[in-house]
Amino acid sequence: MSIYTITYYLKEESHSCGCGDSHEHHHHHRDDYAITGNIKALGSWAHFMPTSFLVKTDLSANEILEKLKEFVEEDDTIFVTKVDKENVASLTPGVIDWINK
């Protein structure tokens, strides 16, 4: 089983409501539930930054990307990289402990 960092960026949808600078209504931006739910389904996970997860899985980085790319749009970004637990550092409490479990 390997550990991967998965980082994503979902580009916000542009709008043309003609509202100018006055915003007396809300604009709906895409929800990241589809991508986060599918990241969590890959295996044991830790959500350590707003758009980054650590995942323990038997899948390869390419297999992870293939599974997740159907939940993003053309201008979105996903980055998957294998974590070398012998050479990792973090200021986030508990991340190193989670990696070494």
N, C-alpha and C. Protein backbone atom coordinates (compact mmCIF):
# COMPACT_ATOMS: atom_id res chain seq x y z
N MET A 1 0.85 -1.17 0.00
CA MET A 1 0.00 0.00 0.00
C MET A 1 0.90 1.24 0.00
N SER A 2 0.54 2.20 -0.82
CA SER A 2 1.31 3.44 -0.94
C SER A 2 0.49 4.62 -0.46
N ILE A 3 1.20 5.70 -0.17
CA ILE A 3 0.56 6.94 0.26
C ILE A 3 0.77 7.98 -0.84
N TYR A 4 -0.31 8.67 -1.18
CA TYR A 4 -0.26 9.71 -2.20
C TYR A 4 -0.83 11.01 -1.65
N THR A 5 -0.27 12.10 -2.14
CA THR A 5 -0.87 13.41 -1.93
C THR A 5 -1.69 13.72 -3.16
N ILE A 6 -2.93 14.11 -2.95
CA ILE A 6 -3.81 14.52 -4.05
C ILE A 6 -4.21 15.96 -3.77
N THR A 7 -3.86 16.84 -4.69
CA THR A 7 -4.20 18.24 -4.58
C THR A 7 -5.03 18.61 -5.80
N TYR A 8 -6.08 19.38 -5.57
CA TYR A 8 -6.94 19.76 -6.68
C TYR A 8 -7.27 21.24 -6.62
N TYR A 9 -7.63 21.78 -7.77
CA TYR A 9 -8.11 23.15 -7.88
C TYR A 9 -9.29 23.14 -8.84
N LEU A 10 -10.44 23.59 -8.38
CA LEU A 10 -11.62 23.68 -9.22
C LEU A 10 -11.84 25.15 -9.58
N LYS A 11 -11.71 25.43 -10.85
CA LYS A 11 -11.88 26.81 -11.30
C LYS A 11 -13.32 27.24 -11.07
N GLU A 12 -13.49 28.42 -10.49
CA GLU A 12 -14.83 28.93 -10.26
C GLU A 12 -15.46 29.31 -11.58
N GLU A 13 -16.73 29.05 -11.70
CA GLU A 13 -17.45 29.39 -12.92
C GLU A 13 -17.62 30.90 -13.01
N SER A 14 -17.42 31.40 -14.22
CA SER A 14 -17.66 32.83 -14.42
C SER A 14 -19.15 33.05 -14.59
N HIS A 15 -19.57 34.25 -14.39
CA HIS A 15 -20.98 34.55 -14.54
C HIS A 15 -21.15 35.89 -15.25
N SER A 16 -22.29 36.11 -15.80
CA SER A 16 -22.60 37.39 -16.43
C SER A 16 -24.03 37.76 -16.04
N CYS A 17 -24.19 38.13 -14.80
CA CYS A 17 -25.53 38.45 -14.31
C CYS A 17 -25.86 39.92 -14.52
N GLY A 18 -24.86 40.72 -14.89
CA GLY A 18 -25.11 42.14 -15.08
C GLY A 18 -25.26 42.89 -13.79
N CYS A 19 -24.78 42.33 -12.69
CA CYS A 19 -24.98 42.95 -11.39
C CYS A 19 -23.97 44.04 -11.09
N GLY A 20 -22.91 44.14 -11.88
CA GLY A 20 -21.91 45.16 -11.60
C GLY A 20 -21.27 44.93 -10.25
N ASP A 21 -21.06 46.00 -9.52
CA ASP A 21 -20.42 45.89 -8.21
C ASP A 21 -21.42 45.63 -7.09
N SER A 22 -22.69 45.81 -7.35
CA SER A 22 -23.70 45.61 -6.33
C SER A 22 -24.13 44.14 -6.32
N HIS A 23 -23.98 43.48 -5.19
CA HIS A 23 -24.32 42.07 -5.08
C HIS A 23 -25.35 41.87 -3.99
N GLU A 24 -26.62 42.00 -4.37
CA GLU A 24 -27.70 41.77 -3.43
C GLU A 24 -28.24 40.35 -3.56
N HIS A 25 -27.54 39.54 -4.31
CA HIS A 25 -27.92 38.13 -4.50
C HIS A 25 -26.65 37.29 -4.48
N HIS A 26 -26.80 36.00 -4.39
CA HIS A 26 -25.66 35.10 -4.30
C HIS A 26 -25.41 34.42 -5.63
N HIS A 27 -24.14 34.21 -5.89
CA HIS A 27 -23.74 33.44 -7.07
C HIS A 27 -23.39 32.04 -6.61
N HIS A 28 -23.75 31.06 -7.39
CA HIS A 28 -23.47 29.68 -7.03
C HIS A 28 -22.16 29.23 -7.67
N HIS A 29 -21.25 28.82 -6.85
CA HIS A 29 -19.98 28.29 -7.33
C HIS A 29 -20.01 26.78 -7.18
N ARG A 30 -19.22 26.12 -7.99
CA ARG A 30 -19.23 24.66 -7.95
C ARG A 30 -18.85 24.13 -6.58
N ASP A 31 -19.52 23.08 -6.19
CA ASP A 31 -19.25 22.41 -4.93
C ASP A 31 -18.17 21.36 -5.19
N ASP A 32 -17.25 21.20 -4.28
CA ASP A 32 -16.18 20.21 -4.48
C ASP A 32 -16.54 18.84 -3.90
N TYR A 33 -17.83 18.64 -3.57
CA TYR A 33 -18.26 17.38 -2.96
C TYR A 33 -17.94 16.17 -3.84
N ALA A 34 -18.15 16.26 -5.14
CA ALA A 34 -17.90 15.12 -6.03
C ALA A 34 -16.44 14.70 -5.98
N ILE A 35 -15.54 15.65 -6.06
CA ILE A 35 -14.11 15.30 -6.07
C ILE A 35 -13.68 14.82 -4.68
N THR A 36 -14.10 15.49 -3.62
CA THR A 36 -13.66 15.06 -2.29
C THR A 36 -14.26 13.71 -1.91
N GLY A 37 -15.51 13.49 -2.25
CA GLY A 37 -16.14 12.20 -1.96
C GLY A 37 -15.43 11.05 -2.67
N ASN A 38 -15.00 11.29 -3.88
CA ASN A 38 -14.31 10.24 -4.63
C ASN A 38 -12.86 10.07 -4.20
N ILE A 39 -12.24 11.12 -3.71
CA ILE A 39 -10.91 10.97 -3.12
C ILE A 39 -11.02 10.10 -1.87
N LYS A 40 -12.00 10.37 -1.04
CA LYS A 40 -12.19 9.61 0.20
C LYS A 40 -12.51 8.14 -0.07
N ALA A 41 -13.11 7.86 -1.22
CA ALA A 41 -13.46 6.48 -1.57
C ALA A 41 -12.25 5.66 -2.03
N LEU A 42 -11.10 6.30 -2.22
CA LEU A 42 -9.92 5.61 -2.71
C LEU A 42 -9.24 4.75 -1.64
N GLY A 43 -9.46 5.07 -0.38
CA GLY A 43 -8.82 4.33 0.71
C GLY A 43 -8.81 5.17 1.97
N SER A 44 -7.93 4.81 2.88
CA SER A 44 -7.78 5.58 4.11
C SER A 44 -7.26 6.97 3.73
N TRP A 45 -7.83 8.02 4.31
CA TRP A 45 -7.48 9.36 3.88
C TRP A 45 -7.31 10.31 5.06
N ALA A 46 -6.57 11.39 4.80
CA ALA A 46 -6.41 12.49 5.75
C ALA A 46 -6.54 13.79 4.96
N HIS A 47 -7.40 14.68 5.42
CA HIS A 47 -7.61 15.97 4.77
C HIS A 47 -6.75 16.98 5.52
N PHE A 48 -5.58 17.28 4.99
CA PHE A 48 -4.62 18.07 5.75
C PHE A 48 -4.47 19.51 5.29
N MET A 49 -5.02 19.86 4.13
CA MET A 49 -5.04 21.24 3.65
C MET A 49 -6.37 21.44 2.92
N PRO A 50 -6.79 22.68 2.70
CA PRO A 50 -8.12 22.90 2.12
C PRO A 50 -8.42 22.11 0.85
N THR A 51 -7.47 21.97 -0.04
CA THR A 51 -7.72 21.21 -1.26
C THR A 51 -6.67 20.11 -1.46
N SER A 52 -6.19 19.56 -0.37
CA SER A 52 -5.20 18.48 -0.43
C SER A 52 -5.54 17.37 0.54
N PHE A 53 -5.37 16.15 0.05
CA PHE A 53 -5.60 14.95 0.85
C PHE A 53 -4.38 14.06 0.78
N LEU A 54 -4.19 13.28 1.83
CA LEU A 54 -3.29 12.13 1.80
C LEU A 54 -4.17 10.91 1.71
N VAL A 55 -3.80 9.95 0.88
CA VAL A 55 -4.60 8.74 0.70
C VAL A 55 -3.68 7.53 0.70
N LYS A 56 -4.06 6.50 1.47
CA LYS A 56 -3.36 5.22 1.44
C LYS A 56 -4.17 4.28 0.55
N THR A 57 -3.54 3.77 -0.51
CA THR A 57 -4.25 2.96 -1.48
C THR A 57 -3.29 2.02 -2.21
N ASP A 58 -3.85 1.00 -2.84
CA ASP A 58 -3.06 0.10 -3.68
C ASP A 58 -2.99 0.58 -5.12
N LEU A 59 -3.69 1.66 -5.43
CA LEU A 59 -3.69 2.20 -6.79
C LEU A 59 -2.39 2.96 -7.08
N SER A 60 -2.07 3.11 -8.36
CA SER A 60 -0.93 3.94 -8.76
C SER A 60 -1.40 5.38 -8.94
N ALA A 61 -0.48 6.31 -9.09
CA ALA A 61 -0.83 7.71 -9.31
C ALA A 61 -1.67 7.85 -10.57
N ASN A 62 -1.32 7.15 -11.63
CA ASN A 62 -2.09 7.23 -12.87
C ASN A 62 -3.49 6.66 -12.71
N GLU A 63 -3.63 5.58 -11.96
CA GLU A 63 -4.95 5.00 -11.72
C GLU A 63 -5.83 5.96 -10.90
N ILE A 64 -5.22 6.62 -9.92
CA ILE A 64 -5.95 7.61 -9.12
C ILE A 64 -6.44 8.74 -10.02
N LEU A 65 -5.55 9.26 -10.86
CA LEU A 65 -5.91 10.35 -11.76
C LEU A 65 -7.04 9.93 -12.70
N GLU A 66 -6.97 8.73 -13.23
CA GLU A 66 -8.02 8.23 -14.13
C GLU A 66 -9.37 8.18 -13.42
N LYS A 67 -9.38 7.75 -12.16
CA LYS A 67 -10.63 7.66 -11.41
C LYS A 67 -11.21 9.04 -11.10
N LEU A 68 -10.34 10.03 -10.88
CA LEU A 68 -10.81 11.34 -10.44
C LEU A 68 -11.11 12.31 -11.58
N LYS A 69 -10.51 12.12 -12.73
CA LYS A 69 -10.65 13.12 -13.78
C LYS A 69 -12.07 13.25 -14.32
N GLU A 70 -12.91 12.27 -14.11
CA GLU A 70 -14.29 12.39 -14.57
C GLU A 70 -15.11 13.34 -13.70
N PHE A 71 -14.56 13.74 -12.55
CA PHE A 71 -15.29 14.62 -11.63
C PHE A 71 -14.82 16.07 -11.70
N VAL A 72 -13.97 16.38 -12.68
CA VAL A 72 -13.48 17.74 -12.85
C VAL A 72 -13.78 18.20 -14.28
N GLU A 73 -13.66 19.49 -14.48
CA GLU A 73 -13.89 20.07 -15.79
C GLU A 73 -12.56 20.43 -16.44
N GLU A 74 -12.63 20.87 -17.68
CA GLU A 74 -11.43 21.09 -18.50
C GLU A 74 -10.40 22.02 -17.86
N ASP A 75 -10.83 23.09 -17.22
CA ASP A 75 -9.89 24.06 -16.65
C ASP A 75 -9.48 23.75 -15.22
N ASP A 76 -9.97 22.66 -14.66
CA ASP A 76 -9.60 22.26 -13.30
C ASP A 76 -8.24 21.56 -13.30
N THR A 77 -7.68 21.41 -12.12
CA THR A 77 -6.36 20.79 -11.99
C THR A 77 -6.38 19.74 -10.89
N ILE A 78 -5.71 18.62 -11.16
CA ILE A 78 -5.48 17.60 -10.13
C ILE A 78 -4.00 17.22 -10.21
N PHE A 79 -3.36 17.14 -9.06
CA PHE A 79 -1.96 16.71 -8.98
C PHE A 79 -1.89 15.56 -8.00
N VAL A 80 -1.29 14.44 -8.43
CA VAL A 80 -1.15 13.24 -7.59
C VAL A 80 0.32 12.89 -7.53
N THR A 81 0.84 12.72 -6.34
CA THR A 81 2.25 12.34 -6.20
C THR A 81 2.41 11.37 -5.03
N LYS A 82 3.28 10.41 -5.20
CA LYS A 82 3.56 9.42 -4.16
C LYS A 82 4.39 10.07 -3.05
N VAL A 83 4.05 9.76 -1.83
CA VAL A 83 4.75 10.30 -0.66
C VAL A 83 5.85 9.33 -0.25
N ASP A 84 7.06 9.86 -0.09
CA ASP A 84 8.19 9.08 0.42
C ASP A 84 8.24 9.31 1.92
N LYS A 85 7.71 8.34 2.70
CA LYS A 85 7.60 8.59 4.14
C LYS A 85 8.94 8.65 4.85
N GLU A 86 10.02 8.32 4.15
CA GLU A 86 11.35 8.47 4.73
C GLU A 86 11.89 9.89 4.54
N ASN A 87 11.21 10.68 3.69
CA ASN A 87 11.69 12.02 3.39
C ASN A 87 10.49 12.96 3.25
N VAL A 88 9.85 13.26 4.37
CA VAL A 88 8.68 14.12 4.38
C VAL A 88 8.73 15.03 5.60
N ALA A 89 8.20 16.24 5.43
CA ALA A 89 8.15 17.19 6.54
C ALA A 89 6.82 17.92 6.49
N SER A 90 6.31 18.36 7.64
CA SER A 90 5.04 19.06 7.68
C SER A 90 4.93 19.89 8.95
N LEU A 91 4.33 21.05 8.81
CA LEU A 91 4.01 21.88 9.98
C LEU A 91 2.62 21.55 10.51
N THR A 92 1.85 20.77 9.75
CA THR A 92 0.50 20.40 10.17
C THR A 92 0.57 19.29 11.22
N PRO A 93 0.06 19.54 12.42
CA PRO A 93 0.15 18.53 13.49
C PRO A 93 -0.51 17.20 13.07
N GLY A 94 0.18 16.15 13.36
CA GLY A 94 -0.37 14.81 13.13
C GLY A 94 -0.14 14.23 11.75
N VAL A 95 0.29 15.03 10.77
CA VAL A 95 0.47 14.52 9.42
C VAL A 95 1.54 13.43 9.37
N ILE A 96 2.67 13.67 9.96
CA ILE A 96 3.76 12.69 9.94
C ILE A 96 3.33 11.43 10.67
N ASP A 97 2.65 11.59 11.81
CA ASP A 97 2.15 10.41 12.54
C ASP A 97 1.19 9.61 11.68
N TRP A 98 0.27 10.28 10.95
CA TRP A 98 -0.69 9.59 10.11
C TRP A 98 0.03 8.83 8.98
N ILE A 99 1.01 9.46 8.40
CA ILE A 99 1.78 8.84 7.31
C ILE A 99 2.48 7.59 7.82
N ASN A 100 3.01 7.64 9.02
CA ASN A 100 3.80 6.51 9.55
C ASN A 100 2.96 5.41 10.18
N LYS A 101 1.63 5.56 10.25
CA LYS A 101 0.77 4.52 10.81
C LYS A 101 0.78 3.32 9.92
